Each structure stands twice: as C-alpha cells, then as structure tokens.
Amino acid sequence: KFGAFKSVRPRQSARVEEQKLICEAQQSAAMWTLNAIRDAILLLCALLSLTSLNMSTEDAGFKAAVHEARQGSNEGGVPIGACLVSAEGKILGQG
C-alpha cells in the first residue's frame, strides 16, 4: 500500500509473545525465591533438631552432607546435600 516503506513495529503477536516470556521469567524467579526460602527453613529445622537427635556438626554424616551441598553450590546448583547414616554411624549413601 505504501510502496517501499514497511512498518518497523513488531507484529502484535510478537509483542504479546514477548510479554508472555517476560511474565514466565518473572514467575520462575519468584518461584526460585520461594523455593530458596523453603529450603532455608527446612535446613534450619534440621539443624535445630540435631540436638534432640544427639547428633553433632562433627558427625561424619553431617560433614558428608555439608560437603555434598558445597559441591553442588560450586557446580552452580542449589546447595543441598544429604547423607544416609545407619544406626551404627556408617554412611550408607550421600548425594
């Protein structure tokens, strides 16, 4: 209709799609924050329960779990570590 002149504005659908992607990214960031808060609360509860279980931060299982958490963090992941310990104190698994 206007010859060689073309509109430089993006199509409506492209702008809508861009807004959807921005919204999804914001929701993802919010969920990550909520998950981090939940994980911190769970970790705090676990640490507070150590005294009732007669465990210590010097326990081999605790140290192994902390090591796993640090390793995960160093690899760019979430700093969560776990260790399964038998009643006799033997490490059965960790990750």
Protein backbone atom coordinates (compact mmCIF):
# COMPACT_ATOMS: atom_id res chain seq x y z
CA LYS A 1 0.00 0.00 0.00
CA PHE A 2 2.85 2.40 0.81
CA GLY A 3 5.35 1.10 -1.75
CA ALA A 4 8.89 0.51 -0.41
CA PHE A 5 8.07 1.68 3.11
CA LYS A 6 7.46 -1.06 5.62
CA SER A 7 6.46 -0.84 9.22
CA VAL A 8 9.31 -1.25 11.71
CA ARG A 9 6.91 -2.03 14.56
CA PRO A 10 6.80 -5.68 15.55
CA ARG A 11 3.60 -7.52 14.84
CA GLN A 12 1.08 -7.57 17.67
CA SER A 13 1.52 -11.32 18.16
CA ALA A 14 5.31 -10.94 18.53
CA ARG A 15 4.84 -8.31 21.24
CA VAL A 16 2.29 -10.46 23.05
CA GLU A 17 4.64 -13.44 22.89
CA GLU A 18 7.49 -11.32 24.28
CA GLN A 19 5.29 -10.18 27.19
CA LYS A 20 4.34 -13.80 27.92
CA LEU A 21 8.02 -14.79 28.04
CA ILE A 22 8.82 -11.91 30.37
CA CYS A 23 5.92 -12.89 32.64
CA GLU A 24 7.07 -16.53 32.70
CA ALA A 25 10.62 -15.46 33.58
CA GLN A 26 9.35 -13.30 36.44
CA GLN A 27 7.19 -16.14 37.77
CA SER A 28 10.16 -18.51 37.54
CA ALA A 29 12.34 -16.09 39.52
CA ALA A 30 9.62 -15.71 42.15
CA MET A 31 9.25 -19.49 42.47
CA TRP A 32 13.02 -19.89 42.77
CA THR A 33 13.00 -17.35 45.60
CA LEU A 34 10.12 -19.13 47.35
CA ASN A 35 11.91 -22.47 46.94
CA ALA A 36 15.12 -21.00 48.36
CA ILE A 37 13.22 -19.66 51.38
CA ARG A 38 11.52 -23.04 51.89
CA ASP A 39 14.87 -24.83 51.65
CA ALA A 40 16.44 -22.44 54.16
CA ILE A 41 13.59 -23.06 56.60
CA LEU A 42 13.94 -26.83 56.18
CA LEU A 43 17.69 -26.59 56.76
CA LEU A 44 17.15 -24.51 59.88
CA CYS A 45 14.63 -27.04 61.21
CA ALA A 46 17.09 -29.86 60.52
CA LEU A 47 19.88 -28.01 62.31
CA LEU A 48 17.66 -27.26 65.30
CA SER A 49 16.66 -30.91 65.55
CA LEU A 50 20.30 -32.05 65.76
CA THR A 51 20.38 -31.54 69.50
CA SER A 52 17.29 -33.66 70.03
CA LEU A 53 18.85 -36.48 68.00
CA ASN A 54 22.12 -36.33 69.92
CA MET A 55 23.93 -35.51 66.71
CA SER A 56 26.66 -33.01 66.21
CA THR A 57 28.11 -30.96 63.40
CA GLU A 58 31.24 -33.05 63.97
CA ASP A 59 29.35 -36.20 62.94
CA ALA A 60 30.77 -37.85 59.79
CA GLY A 61 27.31 -37.99 58.20
CA PHE A 62 26.72 -34.30 58.80
CA LYS A 63 30.13 -33.43 57.36
CA ALA A 64 29.43 -35.59 54.29
CA ALA A 65 26.10 -33.82 53.71
CA VAL A 66 27.73 -30.39 54.03
CA HIS A 67 30.44 -31.50 51.59
CA GLU A 68 27.76 -32.55 49.07
CA ALA A 69 25.97 -29.19 49.50
CA ARG A 70 29.19 -27.25 48.91
CA GLN A 71 29.99 -29.36 45.87
CA GLY A 72 26.53 -28.68 44.43
CA SER A 73 26.95 -24.96 45.03
CA ASN A 74 30.41 -24.92 43.44
CA GLU A 75 28.94 -26.60 40.35
CA GLY A 76 26.35 -23.81 40.03
CA GLY A 77 23.49 -25.76 41.58
CA VAL A 78 21.43 -25.41 44.71
CA PRO A 79 23.49 -26.04 47.86
CA ILE A 80 21.65 -29.10 49.14
CA GLY A 81 23.40 -32.19 50.43
CA ALA A 82 22.14 -35.36 52.05
CA CYS A 83 23.65 -38.35 53.76
CA LEU A 84 22.01 -41.58 54.91
CA VAL A 85 23.63 -42.98 58.04
CA SER A 86 22.95 -46.29 59.75
CA ALA A 87 22.16 -46.52 63.47
CA GLU A 88 25.78 -47.57 63.98
CA GLY A 89 27.03 -44.40 62.27
CA LYS A 90 28.08 -45.98 58.96
CA ILE A 91 27.49 -43.83 55.88
CA LEU A 92 25.14 -45.75 53.58
CA GLY A 93 24.79 -43.15 50.85
CA GLN A 94 25.18 -39.49 50.08
CA GLY A 95 24.35 -37.03 47.36
